[in-house]
């Protein structure tokens, strides 16, 4: 088994608690964070743009 890379973006958010009600969640918190980071890197500058970016990635 390999040791997780502490420099990986996802590793930085592993300990982040999810304050949402679990039965009402459709997506993992880490997935949402990664989509938001990726969207901002691709010049999304508001939540609407981030949501559009996330929807565009679904196939």
N, C-alpha and C. Protein backbone atom coordinates (compact mmCIF):
# COMPACT_ATOMS: atom_id res chain seq x y z
N UNK A 1 0.85 -1.17 0.00
CA UNK A 1 0.00 0.00 0.00
C UNK A 1 0.90 1.24 0.00
N UNK A 2 0.57 2.22 -0.85
CA UNK A 2 1.41 3.41 -0.95
C UNK A 2 0.98 4.47 0.07
N UNK A 3 1.93 5.31 0.42
CA UNK A 3 1.68 6.40 1.35
C UNK A 3 1.09 7.57 0.58
N UNK A 4 0.00 8.19 1.06
CA UNK A 4 -0.59 9.32 0.35
C UNK A 4 0.39 10.49 0.27
N UNK A 5 0.37 11.19 -0.83
CA UNK A 5 1.23 12.35 -1.04
C UNK A 5 0.65 13.53 -0.27
N UNK A 6 1.36 14.03 0.76
CA UNK A 6 0.81 15.14 1.56
C UNK A 6 0.72 16.44 0.78
N UNK A 7 1.36 16.51 -0.38
CA UNK A 7 1.29 17.70 -1.20
C UNK A 7 0.13 17.68 -2.19
N UNK A 8 -0.53 16.54 -2.32
CA UNK A 8 -1.68 16.45 -3.21
C UNK A 8 -2.80 17.34 -2.69
N UNK A 9 -3.50 17.98 -3.61
CA UNK A 9 -4.57 18.91 -3.21
C UNK A 9 -5.61 18.20 -2.35
N UNK A 10 -6.03 17.04 -2.76
CA UNK A 10 -7.06 16.31 -2.01
C UNK A 10 -6.61 16.00 -0.59
N UNK A 11 -5.33 15.72 -0.40
CA UNK A 11 -4.81 15.41 0.94
C UNK A 11 -4.95 16.60 1.88
N UNK A 12 -4.93 17.80 1.34
CA UNK A 12 -5.05 18.99 2.17
C UNK A 12 -6.45 19.15 2.76
N UNK A 13 -7.44 18.51 2.16
CA UNK A 13 -8.82 18.65 2.60
C UNK A 13 -9.37 17.39 3.27
N UNK A 14 -8.54 16.36 3.47
CA UNK A 14 -9.00 15.11 4.07
C UNK A 14 -9.62 15.29 5.45
N UNK A 15 -9.06 16.16 6.25
CA UNK A 15 -9.54 16.33 7.63
C UNK A 15 -10.66 17.35 7.74
N UNK A 16 -11.05 17.95 6.63
CA UNK A 16 -12.10 18.97 6.65
C UNK A 16 -13.45 18.32 6.97
N UNK A 17 -14.11 18.75 8.05
CA UNK A 17 -15.41 18.15 8.38
C UNK A 17 -16.48 18.62 7.41
N UNK A 18 -17.41 17.74 7.11
CA UNK A 18 -18.52 18.06 6.21
C UNK A 18 -19.73 18.43 7.08
N UNK A 19 -20.13 19.71 7.08
CA UNK A 19 -21.21 20.16 7.95
C UNK A 19 -22.61 19.84 7.41
N UNK A 20 -22.67 19.26 6.21
CA UNK A 20 -23.97 19.00 5.59
C UNK A 20 -24.66 17.78 6.21
N UNK A 21 -25.96 17.72 6.06
CA UNK A 21 -26.74 16.56 6.50
C UNK A 21 -26.50 15.45 5.49
N UNK A 22 -25.98 14.33 5.94
CA UNK A 22 -25.52 13.28 5.02
C UNK A 22 -26.63 12.73 4.12
N UNK A 23 -27.83 12.64 4.60
CA UNK A 23 -28.89 12.08 3.77
C UNK A 23 -29.35 13.04 2.66
N UNK A 24 -28.93 14.29 2.75
CA UNK A 24 -29.33 15.28 1.75
C UNK A 24 -28.19 15.62 0.79
N UNK A 25 -27.10 14.88 0.85
CA UNK A 25 -25.98 15.20 -0.02
C UNK A 25 -26.01 14.32 -1.26
N UNK A 26 -25.77 14.95 -2.38
CA UNK A 26 -25.74 14.23 -3.65
C UNK A 26 -24.30 13.96 -4.09
N UNK A 27 -23.38 14.84 -3.65
CA UNK A 27 -21.98 14.74 -4.07
C UNK A 27 -21.07 14.77 -2.85
N UNK A 28 -19.91 14.15 -2.97
CA UNK A 28 -18.92 14.18 -1.90
C UNK A 28 -18.36 15.60 -1.78
N UNK A 29 -18.07 16.01 -0.56
CA UNK A 29 -17.53 17.34 -0.32
C UNK A 29 -16.22 17.53 -1.08
N UNK A 30 -15.35 16.53 -1.07
CA UNK A 30 -14.08 16.65 -1.76
C UNK A 30 -14.29 16.86 -3.26
N UNK A 31 -15.29 16.21 -3.85
CA UNK A 31 -15.58 16.41 -5.27
C UNK A 31 -15.98 17.86 -5.54
N UNK A 32 -16.80 18.43 -4.67
CA UNK A 32 -17.24 19.82 -4.83
C UNK A 32 -16.05 20.76 -4.72
N UNK A 33 -15.20 20.52 -3.75
CA UNK A 33 -14.01 21.37 -3.57
C UNK A 33 -13.11 21.29 -4.79
N UNK A 34 -12.88 20.10 -5.30
CA UNK A 34 -12.00 19.94 -6.46
C UNK A 34 -12.60 20.59 -7.71
N UNK A 35 -13.90 20.49 -7.90
CA UNK A 35 -14.55 21.16 -9.02
C UNK A 35 -14.40 22.67 -8.89
N UNK A 36 -14.61 23.19 -7.69
CA UNK A 36 -14.50 24.63 -7.47
C UNK A 36 -13.07 25.12 -7.73
N UNK A 37 -12.09 24.41 -7.24
CA UNK A 37 -10.69 24.79 -7.48
C UNK A 37 -10.37 24.74 -8.97
N UNK A 38 -10.78 23.67 -9.63
CA UNK A 38 -10.53 23.54 -11.06
C UNK A 38 -11.20 24.65 -11.85
N UNK A 39 -12.43 24.98 -11.49
CA UNK A 39 -13.16 26.03 -12.19
C UNK A 39 -12.48 27.39 -12.02
N UNK A 40 -12.02 27.68 -10.83
CA UNK A 40 -11.34 28.96 -10.59
C UNK A 40 -10.03 29.03 -11.37
N UNK A 41 -9.31 27.92 -11.43
CA UNK A 41 -8.09 27.87 -12.23
C UNK A 41 -8.42 28.16 -13.70
N UNK A 42 -9.60 27.73 -14.15
CA UNK A 42 -10.04 27.96 -15.53
C UNK A 42 -10.82 29.27 -15.67
N UNK A 43 -10.61 30.19 -14.73
CA UNK A 43 -11.13 31.56 -14.79
C UNK A 43 -12.61 31.72 -14.44
N UNK A 44 -13.21 30.77 -13.76
CA UNK A 44 -14.56 30.99 -13.23
C UNK A 44 -14.44 31.99 -12.09
N UNK A 45 -15.31 33.01 -12.09
CA UNK A 45 -15.16 34.05 -11.08
C UNK A 45 -16.39 34.26 -10.20
N UNK A 46 -17.36 33.35 -10.29
CA UNK A 46 -18.51 33.40 -9.39
C UNK A 46 -19.10 31.99 -9.29
N UNK A 47 -20.06 31.84 -8.35
CA UNK A 47 -20.62 30.50 -8.11
C UNK A 47 -21.41 29.98 -9.30
N UNK A 48 -22.04 30.87 -10.06
CA UNK A 48 -22.77 30.43 -11.26
C UNK A 48 -21.79 29.83 -12.27
N UNK A 49 -20.67 30.49 -12.47
CA UNK A 49 -19.66 29.97 -13.40
C UNK A 49 -19.08 28.65 -12.91
N UNK A 50 -18.88 28.53 -11.62
CA UNK A 50 -18.37 27.28 -11.05
C UNK A 50 -19.38 26.15 -11.26
N UNK A 51 -20.66 26.44 -11.05
CA UNK A 51 -21.71 25.43 -11.26
C UNK A 51 -21.78 25.03 -12.73
N UNK A 52 -21.68 25.98 -13.63
CA UNK A 52 -21.68 25.66 -15.06
C UNK A 52 -20.49 24.80 -15.43
N UNK A 53 -19.34 25.12 -14.87
CA UNK A 53 -18.13 24.33 -15.10
C UNK A 53 -18.35 22.89 -14.62
N UNK A 54 -18.92 22.74 -13.44
CA UNK A 54 -19.17 21.40 -12.90
C UNK A 54 -20.16 20.61 -13.74
N UNK A 55 -21.22 21.27 -14.20
CA UNK A 55 -22.21 20.59 -15.04
C UNK A 55 -21.62 20.20 -16.39
N UNK A 56 -20.74 21.02 -16.93
CA UNK A 56 -20.14 20.75 -18.23
C UNK A 56 -19.26 19.50 -18.18
N UNK A 57 -18.75 19.18 -16.99
CA UNK A 57 -17.89 18.01 -16.84
C UNK A 57 -18.65 16.71 -16.75
N UNK A 58 -19.96 16.76 -16.60
CA UNK A 58 -20.77 15.54 -16.50
C UNK A 58 -21.05 14.99 -17.88
N UNK A 59 -20.93 13.69 -18.04
CA UNK A 59 -21.21 13.07 -19.35
C UNK A 59 -22.27 12.02 -19.21
